[in-house]
Protein backbone atom coordinates (compact mmCIF):
# COMPACT_ATOMS: atom_id res chain seq x y z
CA MET A 1 51.22 -4.36 -35.65
CA LYS A 2 52.31 -0.87 -36.61
CA SER A 3 51.88 1.79 -33.91
CA ALA A 4 49.60 3.97 -36.10
CA GLU A 5 47.26 1.05 -36.79
CA PHE A 6 47.31 0.08 -33.10
CA ARG A 7 46.32 3.62 -32.12
CA ARG A 8 43.50 3.61 -34.71
CA ILE A 9 42.06 0.33 -33.35
CA THR A 10 42.38 1.56 -29.77
CA LEU A 11 40.58 4.81 -30.56
CA LEU A 12 37.83 2.86 -32.35
CA ARG A 13 37.30 0.63 -29.32
CA VAL A 14 37.20 3.64 -27.00
CA ALA A 15 34.60 5.31 -29.23
CA MET A 16 32.49 2.15 -29.28
CA ALA A 17 32.67 1.90 -25.48
CA LEU A 18 31.66 5.54 -25.07
CA ALA A 19 28.73 5.02 -27.42
CA ALA A 20 27.60 1.99 -25.43
CA MET A 21 27.86 3.98 -22.21
CA THR A 22 25.76 6.75 -23.72
CA VAL A 23 23.06 4.29 -24.80
CA SER A 24 22.96 2.59 -21.40
CA ALA A 25 22.76 5.95 -19.65
CA THR A 26 19.66 6.92 -21.61
CA PRO A 27 16.64 6.34 -19.33
CA PRO A 28 14.10 3.81 -20.62
CA ARG A 29 10.87 5.23 -22.01
CA ALA A 30 8.16 5.22 -19.39
CA GLN A 31 5.35 2.71 -19.95
CA SER A 32 2.09 4.41 -20.86
CA ALA A 33 -1.18 3.59 -19.13
CA THR A 34 -2.44 2.01 -22.34
CA GLU A 35 0.64 -0.24 -22.51
CA PHE A 36 0.28 -1.13 -18.83
CA TYR A 37 -3.35 -2.25 -19.15
CA ALA A 38 -3.00 -4.03 -22.49
CA GLY A 39 -3.17 -7.78 -21.95
CA ARG A 40 -3.52 -7.36 -18.19
CA GLN A 41 -6.23 -8.37 -15.72
CA ILE A 42 -7.84 -5.75 -13.50
CA ASN A 43 -9.53 -6.93 -10.30
CA VAL A 44 -12.64 -5.12 -9.07
CA ILE A 45 -13.12 -5.80 -5.35
CA VAL A 46 -16.71 -5.50 -4.11
CA SER A 47 -17.37 -4.47 -0.52
CA HIS A 48 -20.56 -6.53 -0.10
CA PRO A 49 -21.78 -10.07 -0.87
CA ALA A 50 -22.96 -11.30 -4.25
CA GLY A 51 -26.55 -10.55 -5.16
CA GLY A 52 -26.93 -7.29 -3.25
CA GLY A 53 -27.08 -3.74 -4.53
CA VAL A 54 -23.35 -3.00 -4.39
CA ASP A 55 -22.57 -6.25 -6.20
CA ILE A 56 -25.14 -5.53 -8.92
CA TYR A 57 -23.61 -2.11 -9.58
CA ALA A 58 -20.05 -3.48 -9.51
CA ARG A 59 -20.84 -6.14 -12.09
CA PHE A 60 -22.68 -3.61 -14.21
CA PHE A 61 -19.58 -1.37 -14.13
CA GLY A 62 -17.31 -4.33 -14.85
CA ARG A 63 -19.28 -5.32 -17.95
CA HIS A 64 -18.33 -2.04 -19.62
CA LEU A 65 -14.93 -1.26 -18.09
CA LYS A 66 -12.88 -3.39 -20.49
CA ARG A 67 -14.34 -1.58 -23.49
CA LEU A 68 -13.83 1.90 -22.02
CA LEU A 69 -10.46 1.64 -20.25
CA ALA A 70 -7.25 2.30 -22.15
CA GLY A 71 -5.57 -0.99 -23.12
CA HIS A 72 -8.84 -2.94 -22.69
CA PRO A 73 -7.77 -5.28 -19.85
CA ASP A 74 -9.78 -8.27 -18.72
CA VAL A 75 -11.99 -7.47 -15.72
CA VAL A 76 -12.59 -9.89 -12.84
CA ILE A 77 -15.10 -9.20 -10.05
CA ARG A 78 -14.22 -10.40 -6.54
CA ASN A 79 -16.46 -10.05 -3.48
CA MET A 80 -14.86 -9.22 -0.14
CA PRO A 81 -17.72 -8.57 2.31
CA GLY A 82 -17.40 -7.80 5.98
CA ALA A 83 -18.10 -5.06 8.54
CA GLY A 84 -20.37 -3.10 6.23
CA GLY A 85 -17.61 -2.75 3.65
CA VAL A 86 -14.76 -1.89 6.03
CA ALA A 87 -13.01 -5.23 5.41
CA MET A 88 -12.62 -4.39 1.73
CA ALA A 89 -11.55 -0.81 2.44
CA ASN A 90 -8.91 -2.01 4.91
CA TYR A 91 -7.62 -4.40 2.26
CA MET A 92 -7.51 -1.65 -0.34
CA ALA A 93 -5.56 0.62 2.00
CA GLY A 94 -3.05 -1.90 3.24
CA GLN A 95 -2.69 -4.92 0.97
CA ALA A 96 -4.01 -4.29 -2.53
CA ALA A 97 -1.52 -3.74 -5.33
CA LYS A 98 -1.01 -0.01 -5.88
CA ASP A 99 -0.14 -0.24 -9.57
CA GLY A 100 -3.67 0.36 -10.87
CA SER A 101 -4.55 -3.31 -11.34
CA VAL A 102 -6.88 -3.41 -8.31
CA ILE A 103 -9.84 -1.10 -7.73
CA GLY A 104 -12.92 -1.33 -5.53
CA VAL A 105 -16.64 -0.62 -5.58
CA GLY A 106 -18.17 0.19 -2.20
CA VAL A 107 -20.57 2.47 -0.37
CA GLY A 108 -20.31 6.12 0.60
CA TRP A 109 -20.23 5.35 4.32
CA LEU A 110 -16.68 4.03 3.91
CA ALA A 111 -15.52 7.64 3.52
CA THR A 112 -16.34 8.36 7.18
CA ALA A 113 -16.16 4.92 8.81
CA ALA A 114 -12.83 5.69 10.47
CA LEU A 115 -14.36 8.80 12.06
CA SER A 116 -17.52 7.13 13.33
CA GLY A 117 -16.40 5.22 16.37
CA PRO A 118 -15.19 1.62 16.77
CA THR A 119 -15.84 0.43 13.22
CA GLY A 120 -12.51 -1.34 12.71
CA ALA A 121 -11.53 1.02 9.89
CA ARG A 122 -7.74 1.28 9.58
CA TYR A 123 -7.36 3.86 6.82
CA ASP A 124 -7.65 7.53 5.95
CA ALA A 125 -10.24 7.79 3.17
CA ARG A 126 -8.63 11.00 1.91
CA GLN A 127 -5.68 8.93 0.71
CA PHE A 128 -7.67 6.62 -1.57
CA SER A 129 -7.43 7.09 -5.34
CA TRP A 130 -11.02 8.18 -6.00
CA ILE A 131 -12.18 7.30 -9.52
CA GLY A 132 -15.86 8.30 -9.51
CA ASN A 133 -19.30 7.57 -8.14
CA MET A 134 -22.02 5.80 -10.13
CA ASN A 135 -25.11 6.79 -8.19
CA ALA A 136 -26.34 9.10 -5.46
CA GLU A 137 -28.31 6.80 -3.23
CA VAL A 138 -31.51 7.54 -1.36
CA ALA A 139 -32.00 5.12 1.51
CA VAL A 140 -35.60 4.24 2.32
CA VAL A 141 -37.56 2.49 5.04
CA VAL A 142 -40.05 -0.12 3.85
CA ALA A 143 -42.57 -2.35 5.58
CA TRP A 144 -44.33 -5.40 4.15
CA ASN A 145 -47.82 -4.49 3.04
CA ASN A 146 -49.60 -6.50 5.75
CA HIS A 147 -47.64 -4.94 8.63
CA PRO A 148 -49.48 -2.57 11.04
CA VAL A 149 -46.91 0.15 10.34
CA LYS A 150 -48.23 1.99 7.29
CA THR A 151 -46.63 5.44 7.63
CA ALA A 152 -43.60 7.12 9.15
CA ALA A 153 -45.82 8.47 11.93
CA ASP A 154 -46.69 4.89 12.92
CA LEU A 155 -43.04 4.26 13.72
CA HIS A 156 -43.40 6.42 16.85
CA THR A 157 -46.02 4.10 18.33
CA THR A 158 -45.64 0.66 16.71
CA GLU A 159 -42.51 -1.50 16.63
CA LEU A 160 -41.10 -2.57 13.26
CA ALA A 161 -38.54 -5.38 13.19
CA VAL A 162 -36.02 -4.81 10.40
CA ALA A 163 -33.34 -7.08 8.95
CA ALA A 164 -29.74 -5.84 9.10
CA GLY A 165 -26.21 -6.99 8.47
CA GLY A 166 -23.50 -6.10 10.97
CA LEU A 167 -23.99 -3.22 13.37
CA SER A 168 -21.91 -0.95 11.13
CA ALA A 169 -24.08 -1.57 8.04
CA LEU A 170 -26.47 1.11 6.83
CA THR A 171 -29.38 -1.28 7.39
CA ALA A 172 -28.51 -1.18 11.10
CA THR A 173 -27.23 2.36 11.60
CA THR A 174 -30.27 3.89 9.87
CA PRO A 175 -32.92 2.46 12.22
CA LEU A 176 -30.68 2.90 15.25
CA SER A 177 -30.16 6.59 14.51
CA LEU A 178 -33.89 7.06 13.94
CA ASN A 179 -34.56 5.43 17.30
CA ALA A 180 -31.98 7.55 19.10
CA LEU A 181 -32.72 10.92 17.52
CA LEU A 182 -36.42 10.78 16.61
CA GLY A 183 -37.76 8.30 19.14
CA MET A 184 -38.91 5.73 16.59
CA LYS A 185 -39.48 2.08 17.47
CA PHE A 186 -37.30 -0.12 15.29
CA LYS A 187 -36.19 -3.55 16.42
CA VAL A 188 -32.91 -4.31 14.68
CA VAL A 189 -32.34 -7.96 13.80
CA THR A 190 -28.69 -8.36 12.85
CA GLY A 191 -26.71 -11.25 11.42
CA TYR A 192 -27.87 -11.30 7.79
CA THR A 193 -24.95 -11.55 5.39
CA GLY A 194 -26.11 -8.99 2.83
CA THR A 195 -29.12 -7.24 1.36
CA ALA A 196 -30.06 -10.30 -0.70
CA ASP A 197 -30.30 -12.33 2.53
CA GLN A 198 -32.22 -9.51 4.21
CA MET A 199 -34.73 -9.31 1.36
CA LEU A 200 -35.36 -13.04 1.61
CA ALA A 201 -35.92 -12.64 5.35
CA LEU A 202 -38.58 -10.03 4.66
CA GLU A 203 -40.25 -12.20 2.04
CA ARG A 204 -40.26 -15.15 4.47
CA GLY A 205 -41.83 -13.05 7.20
CA GLU A 206 -38.85 -13.25 9.58
CA VAL A 207 -38.98 -9.45 9.88
CA GLY A 208 -41.53 -6.79 9.04
CA GLY A 209 -39.36 -4.43 7.04
CA MET A 210 -36.00 -3.00 6.06
CA ALA A 211 -34.43 0.35 6.86
CA GLY A 212 -31.48 1.97 5.10
CA TYR A 213 -32.23 0.04 1.93
CA ASN A 214 -31.23 1.98 -1.16
CA TYR A 215 -34.11 2.86 -3.44
CA ALA A 216 -32.11 2.22 -6.61
CA SER A 217 -31.25 -1.28 -5.40
CA LEU A 218 -34.89 -1.90 -4.54
CA LYS A 219 -35.94 -0.99 -8.08
CA SER A 220 -33.32 -3.19 -9.73
CA SER A 221 -33.36 -6.25 -7.46
CA ARG A 222 -37.05 -6.39 -6.42
CA PRO A 223 -39.05 -4.37 -8.95
CA ASP A 224 -42.15 -6.43 -8.15
CA TRP A 225 -42.14 -5.12 -4.57
CA LEU A 226 -43.00 -1.67 -5.92
CA ARG A 227 -44.99 -2.71 -8.96
CA ASP A 228 -47.27 -5.07 -7.00
CA ARG A 229 -47.25 -2.94 -3.84
CA LYS A 230 -45.80 -5.71 -1.73
CA VAL A 231 -44.11 -3.07 0.44
CA ASN A 232 -45.02 0.37 1.68
CA VAL A 233 -42.24 2.96 1.39
CA LEU A 234 -42.53 4.74 4.73
CA MET A 235 -39.81 7.40 4.57
CA GLN A 236 -36.66 8.59 2.84
CA TYR A 237 -33.45 8.75 4.88
CA THR A 238 -32.26 11.92 3.14
CA PHE A 239 -32.81 15.66 2.98
CA GLU A 240 -33.03 15.61 -0.83
CA PRO A 241 -36.07 13.51 -1.80
CA HIS A 242 -35.83 11.27 -4.81
CA PRO A 243 -37.91 12.65 -7.70
CA GLU A 244 -39.88 9.39 -7.90
CA LEU A 245 -40.78 9.51 -4.19
CA GLY A 246 -42.21 13.00 -3.90
CA ASN A 247 -45.07 11.94 -1.60
CA VAL A 248 -42.87 9.94 0.78
CA PRO A 249 -41.63 12.07 3.73
CA SER A 250 -37.90 12.76 4.00
CA LEU A 251 -35.84 13.90 6.97
CA THR A 252 -36.63 17.48 6.02
CA LYS A 253 -40.16 16.89 7.35
CA LEU A 254 -39.19 14.62 10.22
CA VAL A 255 -36.33 16.33 12.10
CA ARG A 256 -37.41 18.65 14.90
CA THR A 257 -34.35 20.65 15.99
CA PRO A 258 -31.20 22.17 14.43
CA ASP A 259 -29.05 19.76 16.46
CA GLU A 260 -30.92 16.76 15.07
CA ARG A 261 -30.50 18.11 11.56
CA ALA A 262 -26.73 18.63 11.99
CA VAL A 263 -26.21 15.02 13.11
CA PHE A 264 -28.46 13.59 10.41
CA GLU A 265 -26.70 15.63 7.72
CA LEU A 266 -23.39 14.06 8.73
CA LEU A 267 -24.99 10.61 8.60
CA VAL A 268 -26.76 10.97 5.25
CA LEU A 269 -24.28 13.08 3.24
CA PRO A 270 -22.13 10.03 2.35
CA GLN A 271 -25.17 8.64 0.51
CA GLU A 272 -24.43 11.14 -2.25
CA MET A 273 -21.47 8.84 -2.90
CA GLY A 274 -23.74 5.82 -3.00
CA ARG A 275 -21.66 3.58 -5.29
CA PRO A 276 -18.10 4.95 -5.29
CA VAL A 277 -15.27 3.44 -7.33
CA PHE A 278 -11.79 3.89 -5.88
CA GLY A 279 -8.31 2.47 -5.80
CA PRO A 280 -5.62 2.10 -3.14
CA PRO A 281 -3.48 5.10 -2.19
CA GLY A 282 -0.58 5.81 -4.52
CA ILE A 283 -1.82 4.62 -7.93
CA PRO A 284 0.52 6.20 -10.54
CA GLN A 285 -1.01 9.43 -11.75
CA ASP A 286 -1.25 8.48 -15.42
CA ARG A 287 -3.08 5.24 -14.58
CA LEU A 288 -5.43 7.05 -12.22
CA GLN A 289 -6.15 9.52 -15.01
CA ALA A 290 -6.89 6.61 -17.36
CA LEU A 291 -9.26 5.05 -14.81
CA ARG A 292 -11.01 8.37 -14.25
CA ALA A 293 -11.30 8.94 -17.99
CA ALA A 294 -12.89 5.50 -18.40
CA PHE A 295 -15.34 6.27 -15.60
CA ASP A 296 -16.28 9.62 -17.13
CA LEU A 297 -16.98 7.83 -20.41
CA PHE A 298 -18.99 5.19 -18.54
CA VAL A 299 -21.57 7.55 -17.02
CA GLY A 300 -22.35 9.13 -20.41
CA ASP A 301 -21.89 6.19 -22.75
CA ALA A 302 -24.92 5.29 -24.88
CA ALA A 303 -24.41 1.53 -24.47
CA VAL A 304 -24.08 1.93 -20.68
CA LEU A 305 -27.24 4.01 -20.44
CA ALA A 306 -29.15 1.52 -22.59
CA ASP A 307 -27.93 -1.34 -20.39
CA ALA A 308 -28.92 0.61 -17.27
CA GLU A 309 -32.43 1.14 -18.60
CA LYS A 310 -32.75 -2.51 -19.59
CA THR A 311 -31.64 -3.77 -16.18
CA GLN A 312 -33.48 -1.03 -14.27
CA LEU A 313 -30.27 0.31 -12.75
CA GLU A 314 -30.20 3.96 -11.87
CA ILE A 315 -27.36 6.34 -12.71
CA TYR A 316 -28.51 9.30 -10.65
CA LYS A 317 -26.31 12.34 -9.99
CA PRO A 318 -22.97 10.60 -10.78
CA MET A 319 -19.75 12.25 -9.62
CA SER A 320 -16.26 12.46 -11.10
CA GLY A 321 -13.24 11.27 -9.16
CA GLY A 322 -12.28 14.84 -8.32
CA GLU A 323 -15.76 15.59 -7.03
CA VAL A 324 -15.73 12.50 -4.81
CA ALA A 325 -12.31 13.43 -3.41
CA ALA A 326 -13.57 16.94 -2.63
CA MET A 327 -16.60 15.56 -0.78
CA VAL A 328 -14.43 13.17 1.23
CA ASN A 329 -12.25 16.10 2.28
CA ARG A 330 -15.38 18.08 3.21
CA LEU A 331 -16.67 15.24 5.38
CA HIS A 332 -13.36 15.12 7.23
CA GLU A 333 -13.69 18.80 8.15
CA ALA A 334 -16.67 18.16 10.48
CA SER A 335 -15.91 18.60 14.18
CA PRO A 336 -14.99 15.60 16.35
CA ASP A 337 -17.88 16.52 18.64
CA LEU A 338 -20.36 16.17 15.78
CA TYR A 339 -18.89 12.80 14.83
CA ARG A 340 -19.15 11.74 18.47
CA LYS A 341 -22.86 12.60 18.47
CA ALA A 342 -23.34 10.73 15.20
CA ALA A 343 -21.52 7.67 16.58
CA GLU A 344 -23.67 7.73 19.72
CA ALA A 345 -26.80 7.89 17.57
CA MET A 346 -25.73 4.82 15.62
CA LEU A 347 -24.63 2.86 18.68
CA PRO A 348 -26.81 4.04 21.57
CA PRO A 349 -26.54 2.73 25.15
CA GLY A 350 -28.35 -0.54 25.62
CA LEU A 351 -27.87 -1.54 21.99
CA ALA A 352 -27.56 -5.24 22.86
CA LYS A 353 -30.97 -5.12 24.49
CA GLN A 354 -32.60 -3.38 21.52
CA GLY A 355 -31.34 -5.72 18.82
CA GLU A 356 -31.34 -9.41 18.27
CA THR A 357 -29.18 -11.82 16.40
CA LYS A 358 -30.46 -13.86 13.49
CA PRO A 359 -31.14 -17.44 14.60
């Protein structure tokens, strides 16, 4: 081979090698959120058992999420109940995939559970990827229509046995705090697995009422209770009365001192995040933005609103993911002393003597 031809072939090979190196050095194009979700399955983890209010809202959200989320992934609902929702939140914080394929639907109390005493919460709620909130909840106290307790005032003189889940559930902490701070006479019967089980207990006459039961869930899961006046709504566990319950007293009329109000405000403020949707810490920003965008579409979508009206689900004062994150940060700014008082109100001395366990 002539030297000139050899040099030409050598130079050609060198050029080809340099070109290959240049191509390999070019970073791959980042996968978009739409590409990530296309053909994928997204798991929605529910903090409470099937059949209860949280589950109903989660499945309602899941029915529309595929249509509204970029890439239109399949949506699977999975229930992970335990400790008033803390079991699911612990899973989300420590074990759930952080790629945007796992999100959760829970209750507002999860935002402060780690600050409220020995709840078993092993997470910092400020680190969750907050996506939005479907409904501002108003917890109510109800008694079966044949029970001697007919009004909130009666609760100061007559005992009302109420069904509850674990001691950290709202159906337990609500009556316990009312006992501790306002001197009411609730008897808390724990051990029911979820609100569906608690409602059956009330219908069977095992208890006389429920406390900390969300009004929106009552309307959607037991509309006949209100329509046929099977229950009396005794009070609203909130400072902002629901527009449909204007004649039912709220905490605004029931608290007696500024100290009582401060503790109750810390206890009831998380209800404004009644049905929050969130992901684990560290979801990639573009996927979090896609999830938030889908949620923002959800709360204003005509098909969603029609479905909500048909199923008697309430979308009341929804919040964006940014608004939820801001409220969580606000809740974490309260003083440790105030949280201590709130924890003592929910778990007063002699608790074991006050409550019972479901047979």
